[in-house]
Amino acid sequence: MLKTIVMTTIDKITHAIIINEIAANANHEIKFTPYYKGLLKNRLNQLLPELYKCSEDYDSLFNNKEESTKTVYDIYNEYIKGISSIPIQECENITLIIKAYRKDREAIEEVINKIL
């Protein structure tokens, strides 16, 4: 049986702040690509100032809990890079891996350790 994880309000806010920081950083990088023109440029110019507002919250969170915030940020960032590198047609396999992990974490970790 899957264990339901209940997030507290502070957990939800912390996750949102970190995800917004990652989004701000990733979307900022689009400015330095050939795709930064037209409608995308217009929308990013509207979006980025809103995401940058969250950066103040991130900075405050980071300054108060520097090590744990950096760890969570790095995990999210690595996860996003990893998942976005998988072709969409293969994502069903990733979903199955997650289901298997939830069903038997130890068995999946053994397989991972053998492969990696």
Protein backbone atom coordinates (compact mmCIF):
# COMPACT_ATOMS: atom_id res chain seq x y z
CA MET A 1 0.00 0.00 0.00
CA LEU A 2 1.30 3.45 -0.90
CA LYS A 3 2.04 5.78 1.94
CA THR A 4 0.34 9.15 1.64
CA ILE A 5 2.65 12.02 2.40
CA VAL A 6 0.92 15.03 3.90
CA MET A 7 2.72 18.29 3.35
CA THR A 8 2.35 21.05 5.87
CA THR A 9 1.62 24.58 4.73
CA ILE A 10 5.26 25.56 5.29
CA ASP A 11 6.36 22.54 3.22
CA LYS A 12 4.09 23.64 0.37
CA ILE A 13 5.37 27.21 0.53
CA THR A 14 8.99 26.04 0.67
CA HIS A 15 8.50 23.79 -2.35
CA ALA A 16 6.77 26.58 -4.29
CA ILE A 17 9.55 29.05 -3.51
CA ILE A 18 12.26 26.63 -4.63
CA ILE A 19 10.39 25.60 -7.79
CA ASN A 20 9.82 29.27 -8.68
CA GLU A 21 13.52 29.96 -8.24
CA ILE A 22 14.40 27.08 -10.57
CA ALA A 23 11.79 28.30 -13.08
CA ALA A 24 13.18 31.84 -12.94
CA ASN A 25 16.72 30.59 -13.56
CA ALA A 26 15.67 28.26 -16.40
CA ASN A 27 13.45 30.82 -18.11
CA HIS A 28 16.13 33.51 -17.77
CA GLU A 29 18.49 31.30 -19.78
CA ILE A 30 16.07 31.37 -22.73
CA LYS A 31 17.03 35.03 -23.19
CA PHE A 32 20.38 33.82 -24.53
CA THR A 33 18.96 31.53 -27.23
CA PRO A 34 17.74 32.18 -30.77
CA TYR A 35 14.19 31.41 -29.56
CA TYR A 36 14.01 34.61 -27.52
CA LYS A 37 11.88 36.58 -29.94
CA GLY A 38 8.29 37.34 -30.79
CA LEU A 39 5.56 36.01 -28.53
CA LEU A 40 7.95 33.97 -26.38
CA LYS A 41 10.05 37.07 -25.68
CA ASN A 42 6.91 39.02 -24.83
CA ARG A 43 5.62 36.33 -22.46
CA LEU A 44 8.99 35.84 -20.77
CA ASN A 45 9.27 39.60 -20.23
CA GLN A 46 5.94 39.39 -18.40
CA LEU A 47 6.75 36.20 -16.50
CA LEU A 48 10.29 36.82 -15.32
CA PRO A 49 9.56 39.89 -13.17
CA GLU A 50 6.90 37.86 -11.36
CA LEU A 51 9.28 34.96 -10.80
CA TYR A 52 12.02 37.36 -9.67
CA LYS A 53 9.68 38.56 -6.91
CA CYS A 54 9.88 35.03 -5.51
CA SER A 55 13.67 35.29 -5.52
CA GLU A 56 13.43 37.55 -2.48
CA ASP A 57 11.56 34.76 -0.69
CA TYR A 58 14.15 32.24 -1.89
CA ASP A 59 17.00 34.45 -0.67
CA SER A 60 15.32 34.80 2.71
CA LEU A 61 14.72 31.05 2.91
CA PHE A 62 18.27 30.32 1.73
CA ASN A 63 19.79 32.71 4.29
CA ASN A 64 17.82 31.12 7.13
CA LYS A 65 18.29 27.47 6.11
CA GLU A 66 21.20 27.68 3.70
CA GLU A 67 22.37 24.06 3.66
CA SER A 68 18.97 22.37 3.55
CA THR A 69 17.60 24.86 1.00
CA LYS A 70 20.59 24.34 -1.28
CA THR A 71 20.22 20.57 -0.96
CA VAL A 72 16.52 20.66 -1.89
CA TYR A 73 17.21 23.10 -4.74
CA ASP A 74 19.95 20.85 -6.12
CA ILE A 75 17.69 17.78 -5.93
CA TYR A 76 14.85 19.55 -7.76
CA ASN A 77 17.21 20.96 -10.35
CA GLU A 78 18.83 17.57 -11.03
CA TYR A 79 15.40 15.93 -11.20
CA ILE A 80 14.14 18.47 -13.73
CA LYS A 81 17.27 18.10 -15.87
CA GLY A 82 17.00 14.32 -15.75
CA ILE A 83 13.30 14.04 -16.49
CA SER A 84 13.44 16.61 -19.29
CA SER A 85 16.22 14.66 -20.99
CA ILE A 86 13.93 11.66 -21.53
CA PRO A 87 11.96 11.59 -24.78
CA ILE A 88 8.23 11.95 -24.13
CA GLN A 89 7.48 8.57 -25.72
CA GLU A 90 9.64 6.92 -23.02
CA CYS A 91 8.00 8.68 -20.07
CA GLU A 92 5.52 5.84 -19.60
CA ASN A 93 8.51 3.68 -18.61
CA ILE A 94 9.54 6.30 -16.05
CA THR A 95 6.01 6.21 -14.62
CA LEU A 96 6.29 2.44 -14.27
CA ILE A 97 9.63 2.81 -12.52
CA ILE A 98 8.07 5.26 -10.06
CA LYS A 99 5.16 2.87 -9.42
CA ALA A 100 7.63 0.04 -8.80
CA TYR A 101 9.65 2.28 -6.47
CA ARG A 102 6.55 3.12 -4.46
CA LYS A 103 5.62 -0.55 -4.25
CA ASP A 104 9.06 -1.89 -3.28
CA ARG A 105 11.66 0.79 -2.68
CA GLU A 106 14.37 -1.57 -1.47
CA ALA A 107 14.12 -3.82 -4.53
CA ILE A 108 14.34 -0.86 -6.92
CA GLU A 109 17.30 0.59 -5.00
CA GLU A 110 19.07 -2.78 -5.32
CA VAL A 111 18.54 -2.72 -9.08
CA ILE A 112 19.77 0.88 -9.25
CA ASN A 113 22.90 0.02 -7.27
CA LYS A 114 23.64 -2.91 -9.59
CA ILE A 115 23.26 -0.74 -12.69
CA LEU A 116 25.04 2.35 -11.45
